[in-house]
């Protein structure tokens, strides 16, 4: 399997970036293995789901970021779980944590969002963890698309744990408006759940139409990413994408 390209900026100002989406189960598993997986993927951005939300949550998330040579960009408890980590390569324009409407009896959901620059490329970013309840999940899919459209950027990405397979109506709703990066340029392997028995793709990265998807998938075969660490780190497999983002005019 060919490796994804390393991060770099092109002479025309466009940027090749590596984006990782990962449900980390509140860091309740082997956090050393988790940090090794993230670090081995060499991401510019990590779209986190189920970041720590309770006692000393910022310290726990900062410890993970530091171990993976990253920093916290936004989110965590303030977005009800989704978070963004980034490398120091990013120039941060703004961040915003968004809490979604609460359905009584269900878990509060949110989006962690940011606008960042790499070279001459300006990019909107959103991490999400959608509802287990199908009707609420469908509404949240529409909110995701609306939020990206309202960010005022030409190019944007969204990713996370959709709690739904590609044939589901919410997944299809998002994929109708954005590129499903795995479907566009499959790389690695497809299924993200579970690490012990991968049999379904419920985690995904999406990109607006102007972004070139170089490759996307579960990073099995990425140097430094081992089956042992993937199984110990959390109850999902990560999704890694290499994207070429055009320079902003």
Protein backbone atom coordinates (compact mmCIF):
# COMPACT_ATOMS: atom_id res chain seq x y z
CA UNK A 1 0.00 0.00 0.00
CA UNK A 2 1.41 3.38 -1.00
CA UNK A 3 1.81 5.87 1.84
CA UNK A 4 -0.13 9.11 1.93
CA UNK A 5 1.94 12.22 1.16
CA UNK A 6 3.53 14.18 3.94
CA UNK A 7 2.19 17.61 4.81
CA UNK A 8 3.58 20.41 2.69
CA UNK A 9 2.77 23.71 1.02
CA UNK A 10 2.87 23.97 -2.78
CA UNK A 11 4.55 26.88 -4.61
CA UNK A 12 1.10 28.24 -5.57
CA UNK A 13 0.10 28.48 -1.89
CA UNK A 14 -2.11 25.38 -1.85
CA UNK A 15 -1.55 23.01 1.06
CA UNK A 16 -1.46 19.25 1.44
CA UNK A 17 -2.68 18.42 4.93
CA UNK A 18 -3.23 15.22 6.89
CA UNK A 19 -6.50 14.99 8.82
CA UNK A 20 -7.32 12.33 11.41
CA UNK A 21 -10.81 11.65 12.82
CA UNK A 22 -10.87 9.56 15.99
CA UNK A 23 -13.39 8.60 18.68
CA UNK A 24 -11.18 8.32 21.79
CA UNK A 25 -13.83 7.08 24.27
CA UNK A 26 -13.06 9.74 26.87
CA UNK A 27 -9.49 8.40 27.17
CA UNK A 28 -10.75 5.49 29.25
CA UNK A 29 -8.45 2.99 27.56
CA UNK A 30 -4.67 2.86 26.94
CA UNK A 31 -3.78 6.52 26.46
CA UNK A 32 -0.15 5.72 25.68
CA UNK A 33 -1.26 3.51 22.78
CA UNK A 34 -3.73 6.21 21.71
CA UNK A 35 -0.98 8.85 21.59
CA UNK A 36 1.28 6.51 19.63
CA UNK A 37 -1.42 5.95 16.98
CA UNK A 38 -2.12 9.67 16.63
CA UNK A 39 1.55 10.60 16.49
CA UNK A 40 2.36 7.89 13.90
CA UNK A 41 -0.31 9.34 11.59
CA UNK A 42 1.50 12.74 11.65
CA UNK A 43 -1.74 14.75 11.39
CA UNK A 44 -2.06 18.48 10.92
CA UNK A 45 -5.58 18.27 12.38
CA UNK A 46 -7.27 15.73 14.64
CA UNK A 47 -11.06 15.70 14.75
CA UNK A 48 -11.75 14.13 18.14
CA UNK A 49 -15.00 12.59 19.38
CA UNK A 50 -15.71 11.66 23.00
CA UNK A 51 -13.01 13.90 24.41
CA UNK A 52 -12.98 13.98 28.23
CA UNK A 53 -15.88 16.10 29.53
CA UNK A 54 -15.72 15.95 33.30
CA UNK A 55 -13.19 16.38 36.13
CA UNK A 56 -9.96 18.00 34.86
CA UNK A 57 -10.97 17.39 31.26
CA UNK A 58 -8.76 20.16 29.87
CA UNK A 59 -5.70 18.72 31.58
CA UNK A 60 -6.42 15.23 30.23
CA UNK A 61 -6.92 16.45 26.67
CA UNK A 62 -3.81 18.67 26.89
CA UNK A 63 -1.78 15.68 28.07
CA UNK A 64 -2.89 13.67 25.03
CA UNK A 65 -2.14 16.55 22.66
CA UNK A 66 1.31 17.02 24.14
CA UNK A 67 2.11 13.30 23.88
CA UNK A 68 1.16 13.42 20.18
CA UNK A 69 3.12 16.66 19.52
CA UNK A 70 -0.08 18.66 19.04
CA UNK A 71 -2.02 21.43 20.80
CA UNK A 72 -5.71 21.88 21.64
CA UNK A 73 -7.50 23.99 19.06
CA UNK A 74 -11.07 23.91 20.40
CA UNK A 75 -13.81 21.81 21.96
CA UNK A 76 -13.99 19.19 24.67
CA UNK A 77 -16.59 19.62 27.39
CA UNK A 78 -17.56 23.00 25.91
CA UNK A 79 -18.78 21.20 22.76
CA UNK A 80 -20.14 18.20 24.70
CA UNK A 81 -17.42 15.87 23.46
CA UNK A 82 -16.12 16.84 20.01
CA UNK A 83 -12.72 18.57 19.98
CA UNK A 84 -10.03 19.69 17.57
CA UNK A 85 -6.28 19.26 17.96
CA UNK A 86 -3.73 20.73 15.57
CA UNK A 87 -0.04 20.93 14.84
CA UNK A 88 1.86 24.19 15.12
CA UNK A 89 1.77 24.39 11.34
CA UNK A 90 -1.75 25.86 11.56
CA UNK A 91 -2.41 29.58 11.73
CA UNK A 92 -5.64 29.87 13.72
CA UNK A 93 -8.14 32.47 12.58
CA UNK A 94 -11.01 31.66 14.93
CA UNK A 95 -12.70 28.86 16.88
CA UNK A 96 -16.26 28.23 18.06
CA UNK A 97 -17.89 25.51 20.11
CA UNK A 98 -21.55 24.90 19.24
CA UNK A 99 -24.08 23.11 21.44
CA UNK A 100 -26.96 21.55 19.52
CA UNK A 101 -30.60 21.52 20.68
CA UNK A 102 -31.14 19.09 23.52
CA UNK A 103 -33.75 16.37 23.14
CA UNK A 104 -35.07 15.44 26.61
CA UNK A 105 -33.72 12.09 27.71
CA UNK A 106 -30.90 12.03 25.14
CA UNK A 107 -27.23 12.97 25.36
CA UNK A 108 -26.32 16.59 24.59
CA UNK A 109 -24.44 16.91 21.30
CA UNK A 110 -22.28 19.64 19.81
CA UNK A 111 -19.80 20.70 17.14
CA UNK A 112 -16.22 21.81 17.62
CA UNK A 113 -15.31 24.22 14.82
CA UNK A 114 -12.44 26.39 13.64
CA UNK A 115 -11.10 28.33 10.68
CA UNK A 116 -7.38 27.80 10.08
CA UNK A 117 -4.79 28.61 7.44
CA UNK A 118 -1.99 26.52 5.95
CA UNK A 119 0.18 28.52 3.59
CA UNK A 120 -2.24 30.28 1.28
CA UNK A 121 -5.09 27.83 2.01
CA UNK A 122 -7.94 28.84 4.31
CA UNK A 123 -10.01 25.99 5.74
CA UNK A 124 -13.13 25.56 7.86
CA UNK A 125 -13.06 22.52 10.17
CA UNK A 126 -15.83 20.76 12.11
CA UNK A 127 -15.75 17.72 14.41
CA UNK A 128 -19.02 15.98 15.27
CA UNK A 129 -20.51 12.99 17.09
CA UNK A 130 -24.08 12.51 15.91
CA UNK A 131 -27.01 11.11 17.85
CA UNK A 132 -27.84 7.45 18.34
CA UNK A 133 -31.50 8.34 17.68
CA UNK A 134 -32.21 8.34 13.93
CA UNK A 135 -34.55 11.34 13.69
CA UNK A 136 -32.37 13.56 15.87
CA UNK A 137 -29.31 12.36 13.93
CA UNK A 138 -30.93 13.35 10.63
CA UNK A 139 -31.63 16.86 11.94
CA UNK A 140 -28.05 17.13 13.19
CA UNK A 141 -26.79 16.17 9.72
CA UNK A 142 -28.66 19.16 8.32
CA UNK A 143 -27.24 21.40 11.07
CA UNK A 144 -23.74 20.22 10.15
CA UNK A 145 -24.22 21.27 6.53
CA UNK A 146 -25.74 24.59 7.59
CA UNK A 147 -22.87 25.27 10.00
CA UNK A 148 -20.24 24.65 7.32
CA UNK A 149 -22.10 26.91 4.88
CA UNK A 150 -22.25 29.68 7.51
CA UNK A 151 -18.50 29.63 8.23
CA UNK A 152 -17.78 31.99 5.34
CA UNK A 153 -15.01 29.87 3.80
CA UNK A 154 -14.68 28.43 0.31
CA UNK A 155 -13.13 25.17 1.53
CA UNK A 156 -14.15 23.13 4.56
CA UNK A 157 -13.99 19.66 6.07
CA UNK A 158 -16.14 17.83 8.59
CA UNK A 159 -15.60 14.50 10.25
CA UNK A 160 -16.54 12.33 13.11
CA UNK A 161 -18.57 9.47 14.48
CA UNK A 162 -21.86 9.49 12.57
CA UNK A 163 -23.36 6.50 14.40
CA UNK A 164 -24.61 5.40 11.00
CA UNK A 165 -23.42 3.42 7.98
CA UNK A 166 -23.09 4.93 4.49
CA UNK A 167 -26.51 3.61 3.42
CA UNK A 168 -28.29 5.51 6.20
CA UNK A 169 -30.26 8.63 5.35
CA UNK A 170 -28.15 10.99 7.50
CA UNK A 171 -24.90 9.72 6.02
CA UNK A 172 -26.42 10.07 2.55
CA UNK A 173 -27.66 13.58 3.36
CA UNK A 174 -24.16 14.73 4.29
CA UNK A 175 -22.53 12.90 1.35
CA UNK A 176 -24.96 14.58 -1.07
CA UNK A 177 -23.54 17.97 -0.14
CA UNK A 178 -19.91 17.03 0.49
CA UNK A 179 -17.32 14.55 -0.75
CA UNK A 180 -17.24 11.35 1.30
CA UNK A 181 -13.44 11.09 1.35
CA UNK A 182 -13.29 7.29 1.59
CA UNK A 183 -15.67 6.87 -1.34
CA UNK A 184 -13.77 9.48 -3.36
CA UNK A 185 -10.24 8.11 -2.87
CA UNK A 186 -10.18 4.90 -0.79
CA UNK A 187 -6.89 4.10 0.92
CA UNK A 188 -6.01 1.82 3.82
CA UNK A 189 -9.07 -0.09 4.98
CA UNK A 190 -12.73 0.87 5.26
CA UNK A 191 -14.36 -0.33 8.47
CA UNK A 192 -13.98 1.69 11.68
CA UNK A 193 -15.99 -0.33 14.20
CA UNK A 194 -14.91 -2.28 16.11
CA UNK A 195 -11.11 -2.61 16.42
CA UNK A 196 -11.50 -6.25 17.43
CA UNK A 197 -13.99 -7.06 14.65
CA UNK A 198 -14.11 -4.32 12.00
CA UNK A 199 -17.40 -4.76 10.16
CA UNK A 200 -18.95 -1.33 9.61
CA UNK A 201 -17.99 2.21 8.62
CA UNK A 202 -19.63 4.66 11.00
CA UNK A 203 -16.77 7.20 11.14
CA UNK A 204 -15.97 9.43 8.18
CA UNK A 205 -14.27 12.55 6.87
CA UNK A 206 -16.07 14.80 4.39
CA UNK A 207 -14.74 17.68 2.28
CA UNK A 208 -16.23 20.42 0.14
CA UNK A 209 -16.06 19.93 -3.61
CA UNK A 210 -13.00 22.08 -4.33
CA UNK A 211 -10.69 20.04 -2.11
CA UNK A 212 -8.71 17.23 -3.74
CA UNK A 213 -8.90 13.99 -1.75
CA UNK A 214 -5.54 12.27 -2.20
CA UNK A 215 -6.51 9.27 -0.06
CA UNK A 216 -8.62 8.36 2.96
CA UNK A 217 -9.19 5.34 5.19
CA UNK A 218 -8.22 3.47 8.33
CA UNK A 219 -4.41 3.78 8.51
CA UNK A 220 -3.54 0.09 8.68
CA UNK A 221 -0.11 -0.14 7.08
CA UNK A 222 0.90 3.37 8.18
CA UNK A 223 4.39 3.04 9.72
CA UNK A 224 4.15 3.04 13.52
CA UNK A 225 0.45 2.13 13.60
CA UNK A 226 0.09 -1.38 15.01
CA UNK A 227 -2.90 -3.67 15.47
CA UNK A 228 -1.97 -3.97 19.15
CA UNK A 229 -2.13 -0.21 19.69
CA UNK A 230 -5.32 0.18 17.66
CA UNK A 231 -7.08 -2.42 19.79
CA UNK A 232 -5.79 -0.98 23.06
CA UNK A 233 -6.36 2.70 22.32
CA UNK A 234 -10.18 2.97 22.12
CA UNK A 235 -13.29 1.24 20.75
CA UNK A 236 -13.14 2.82 17.25
CA UNK A 237 -10.54 2.77 14.50
CA UNK A 238 -9.30 6.15 13.24
CA UNK A 239 -9.80 7.61 9.77
CA UNK A 240 -6.81 9.36 8.13
CA UNK A 241 -7.09 11.54 5.04
CA UNK A 242 -4.58 13.44 2.92
CA UNK A 243 -6.20 16.47 1.32
CA UNK A 244 -4.95 19.12 -1.08
CA UNK A 245 -6.61 22.44 -0.22
CA UNK A 246 -6.40 25.15 -2.90
CA UNK A 247 -4.99 28.53 -2.05
CA UNK A 248 -7.66 31.07 -1.22
CA UNK A 249 -8.02 33.75 -3.86
